[in-house]
Amino acid sequence: MFIVANFILAAAKVLEVALEAYQWIIIIAALLSWVNPDPYNPIVRFLHAVTDPVLRPIRRKIGYSLGPIDVSPIIVILAIVFIQRFLISSLVEMAYKLKGGAII
């Protein structure tokens, strides 16, 4: 069972790193929206291509209920934090229980 436990631990770590990177991408895209960058810049295009599919449905549902303030990045970041605390912690705990060892 230690092979399955190690696989679950590795998957949890990869998911944690990916979510952390996406959280920083959301933060950078939100900060860039304050300065009105060149829309033809490849970095700006990448940020919009990566964040808009996640932010657009939230913007559509919530709209701009706080006036000009876009709260959709905050909602996505809170969802990422929830996933990190709940799903990744659960995966790590399950892996250590499969190993039969203590949780670190």
C-alpha atoms as a PDB file:
ATOM      1  CA  MET A   1       0.000   0.000   0.000  1.00  0.00           C
ATOM      2  CA  PHE A   2       2.962   2.327   0.347  1.00  0.00           C
ATOM      3  CA  ILE A   3       3.102   2.756  -3.456  1.00  0.00           C
ATOM      4  CA  VAL A   4      -0.484   4.007  -3.540  1.00  0.00           C
ATOM      5  CA  ALA A   5       0.231   6.243  -0.555  1.00  0.00           C
ATOM      6  CA  ASN A   6       3.312   7.705  -2.243  1.00  0.00           C
ATOM      7  CA  PHE A   7       1.311   8.299  -5.426  1.00  0.00           C
ATOM      8  CA  ILE A   8      -1.378  10.137  -3.452  1.00  0.00           C
ATOM      9  CA  LEU A   9       1.274  12.222  -1.686  1.00  0.00           C
ATOM     10  CA  ALA A  10       2.906  13.116  -5.003  1.00  0.00           C
ATOM     11  CA  ALA A  11      -0.455  14.032  -6.556  1.00  0.00           C
ATOM     12  CA  ALA A  12      -1.286  16.200  -3.551  1.00  0.00           C
ATOM     13  CA  LYS A  13       2.044  18.024  -3.800  1.00  0.00           C
ATOM     14  CA  VAL A  14       1.685  18.612  -7.556  1.00  0.00           C
ATOM     15  CA  LEU A  15      -1.862  19.902  -7.020  1.00  0.00           C
ATOM     16  CA  GLU A  16      -0.651  22.162  -4.218  1.00  0.00           C
ATOM     17  CA  VAL A  17       2.108  23.667  -6.386  1.00  0.00           C
ATOM     18  CA  ALA A  18      -0.258  24.132  -9.339  1.00  0.00           C
ATOM     19  CA  LEU A  19      -2.860  25.864  -7.180  1.00  0.00           C
ATOM     20  CA  GLU A  20      -0.222  28.109  -5.624  1.00  0.00           C
ATOM     21  CA  ALA A  21       1.074  29.093  -9.070  1.00  0.00           C
ATOM     22  CA  TYR A  22      -2.461  29.776 -10.316  1.00  0.00           C
ATOM     23  CA  GLN A  23      -3.152  31.890  -7.240  1.00  0.00           C
ATOM     24  CA  TRP A  24      -0.131  34.062  -8.094  1.00  0.00           C
ATOM     25  CA  ILE A  25      -1.261  34.299 -11.716  1.00  0.00           C
ATOM     26  CA  ILE A  26      -4.676  35.545 -10.523  1.00  0.00           C
ATOM     27  CA  ILE A  27      -2.996  38.117  -8.258  1.00  0.00           C
ATOM     28  CA  ILE A  28      -0.705  39.352 -11.044  1.00  0.00           C
ATOM     29  CA  ALA A  29      -3.603  39.610 -13.506  1.00  0.00           C
ATOM     30  CA  ALA A  30      -5.652  41.570 -10.966  1.00  0.00           C
ATOM     31  CA  LEU A  31      -2.766  43.951 -10.307  1.00  0.00           C
ATOM     32  CA  LEU A  32      -2.186  44.437 -14.032  1.00  0.00           C
ATOM     33  CA  SER A  33      -5.829  45.369 -14.497  1.00  0.00           C
ATOM     34  CA  TRP A  34      -5.182  48.486 -12.402  1.00  0.00           C
ATOM     35  CA  VAL A  35      -2.557  49.892 -14.788  1.00  0.00           C
ATOM     36  CA  ASN A  36      -4.236  49.207 -18.174  1.00  0.00           C
ATOM     37  CA  PRO A  37      -1.368  47.314 -19.865  1.00  0.00           C
ATOM     38  CA  ASP A  38      -0.872  46.889 -23.598  1.00  0.00           C
ATOM     39  CA  PRO A  39      -3.401  44.204 -24.668  1.00  0.00           C
ATOM     40  CA  TYR A  40      -1.042  42.977 -27.410  1.00  0.00           C
ATOM     41  CA  ASN A  41       1.759  42.170 -24.975  1.00  0.00           C
ATOM     42  CA  PRO A  42       2.302  38.368 -24.967  1.00  0.00           C
ATOM     43  CA  ILE A  43       2.450  38.222 -21.173  1.00  0.00           C
ATOM     44  CA  VAL A  44      -0.817  40.135 -20.816  1.00  0.00           C
ATOM     45  CA  ARG A  45      -2.444  37.919 -23.442  1.00  0.00           C
ATOM     46  CA  PHE A  46      -1.253  34.808 -21.578  1.00  0.00           C
ATOM     47  CA  LEU A  47      -2.605  36.109 -18.268  1.00  0.00           C
ATOM     48  CA  HIS A  48      -5.989  36.873 -19.812  1.00  0.00           C
ATOM     49  CA  ALA A  49      -6.108  33.518 -21.588  1.00  0.00           C
ATOM     50  CA  VAL A  50      -5.386  31.667 -18.349  1.00  0.00           C
ATOM     51  CA  THR A  51      -7.564  33.669 -15.949  1.00  0.00           C
ATOM     52  CA  ASP A  52     -10.585  34.735 -18.012  1.00  0.00           C
ATOM     53  CA  PRO A  53     -12.159  31.249 -18.309  1.00  0.00           C
ATOM     54  CA  VAL A  54     -12.300  31.066 -14.502  1.00  0.00           C
ATOM     55  CA  LEU A  55     -13.125  34.696 -13.753  1.00  0.00           C
ATOM     56  CA  ARG A  56     -15.731  35.250 -16.490  1.00  0.00           C
ATOM     57  CA  PRO A  57     -18.467  32.956 -15.048  1.00  0.00           C
ATOM     58  CA  ILE A  58     -18.045  34.533 -11.617  1.00  0.00           C
ATOM     59  CA  ARG A  59     -18.250  38.027 -13.111  1.00  0.00           C
ATOM     60  CA  ARG A  60     -21.361  36.985 -15.013  1.00  0.00           C
ATOM     61  CA  LYS A  61     -23.093  35.678 -11.871  1.00  0.00           C
ATOM     62  CA  ILE A  62     -22.014  38.359  -9.405  1.00  0.00           C
ATOM     63  CA  GLY A  63     -21.457  41.264 -11.744  1.00  0.00           C
ATOM     64  CA  TYR A  64     -19.926  44.392 -10.363  1.00  0.00           C
ATOM     65  CA  SER A  65     -22.064  44.535  -7.222  1.00  0.00           C
ATOM     66  CA  LEU A  66     -19.449  46.639  -5.417  1.00  0.00           C
ATOM     67  CA  GLY A  67     -19.418  49.262  -8.132  1.00  0.00           C
ATOM     68  CA  PRO A  68     -16.158  49.463 -10.056  1.00  0.00           C
ATOM     69  CA  ILE A  69     -14.436  46.876  -7.831  1.00  0.00           C
ATOM     70  CA  ASP A  70     -14.073  43.419  -9.372  1.00  0.00           C
ATOM     71  CA  VAL A  71     -14.348  40.857  -6.578  1.00  0.00           C
ATOM     72  CA  SER A  72     -14.067  37.788  -8.816  1.00  0.00           C
ATOM     73  CA  PRO A  73     -10.286  37.387  -8.208  1.00  0.00           C
ATOM     74  CA  ILE A  74     -10.926  37.433  -4.462  1.00  0.00           C
ATOM     75  CA  ILE A  75     -13.578  34.729  -4.820  1.00  0.00           C
ATOM     76  CA  VAL A  76     -11.247  32.555  -6.914  1.00  0.00           C
ATOM     77  CA  ILE A  77      -8.404  32.998  -4.418  1.00  0.00           C
ATOM     78  CA  LEU A  78     -10.718  32.033  -1.551  1.00  0.00           C
ATOM     79  CA  ALA A  79     -11.784  28.934  -3.498  1.00  0.00           C
ATOM     80  CA  ILE A  80      -8.128  28.026  -4.081  1.00  0.00           C
ATOM     81  CA  VAL A  81      -7.374  28.426  -0.361  1.00  0.00           C
ATOM     82  CA  PHE A  82     -10.370  26.242   0.490  1.00  0.00           C
ATOM     83  CA  ILE A  83      -9.202  23.542  -1.925  1.00  0.00           C
ATOM     84  CA  GLN A  84      -5.690  23.711  -0.492  1.00  0.00           C
ATOM     85  CA  ARG A  85      -6.871  23.420   3.081  1.00  0.00           C
ATOM     86  CA  PHE A  86      -9.559  20.786   2.508  1.00  0.00           C
ATOM     87  CA  LEU A  87      -8.652  18.613  -0.467  1.00  0.00           C
ATOM     88  CA  ILE A  88      -4.876  18.602  -0.230  1.00  0.00           C
ATOM     89  CA  SER A  89      -4.900  18.134   3.543  1.00  0.00           C
ATOM     90  CA  SER A  90      -7.360  15.270   3.147  1.00  0.00           C
ATOM     91  CA  LEU A  91      -5.206  13.626   0.492  1.00  0.00           C
ATOM     92  CA  VAL A  92      -2.092  13.899   2.651  1.00  0.00           C
ATOM     93  CA  GLU A  93      -3.889  12.512   5.693  1.00  0.00           C
ATOM     94  CA  MET A  94      -5.329   9.641   3.658  1.00  0.00           C
ATOM     95  CA  ALA A  95      -1.891   8.795   2.268  1.00  0.00           C
ATOM     96  CA  TYR A  96      -0.312   8.695   5.702  1.00  0.00           C
ATOM     97  CA  LYS A  97      -3.124   6.509   6.998  1.00  0.00           C
ATOM     98  CA  LEU A  98      -2.503   4.131   4.106  1.00  0.00           C
ATOM     99  CA  LYS A  99       1.163   4.029   5.055  1.00  0.00           C
ATOM    100  CA  GLY A 100       0.185   3.344   8.636  1.00  0.00           C
ATOM    101  CA  GLY A 101       2.363   6.140   9.920  1.00  0.00           C
ATOM    102  CA  ALA A 102       1.938   9.373  11.755  1.00  0.00           C
ATOM    103  CA  ILE A 103       0.793  12.523   9.994  1.00  0.00           C
ATOM    104  CA  ILE A 104       3.533  15.042   9.536  1.00  0.00           C
END
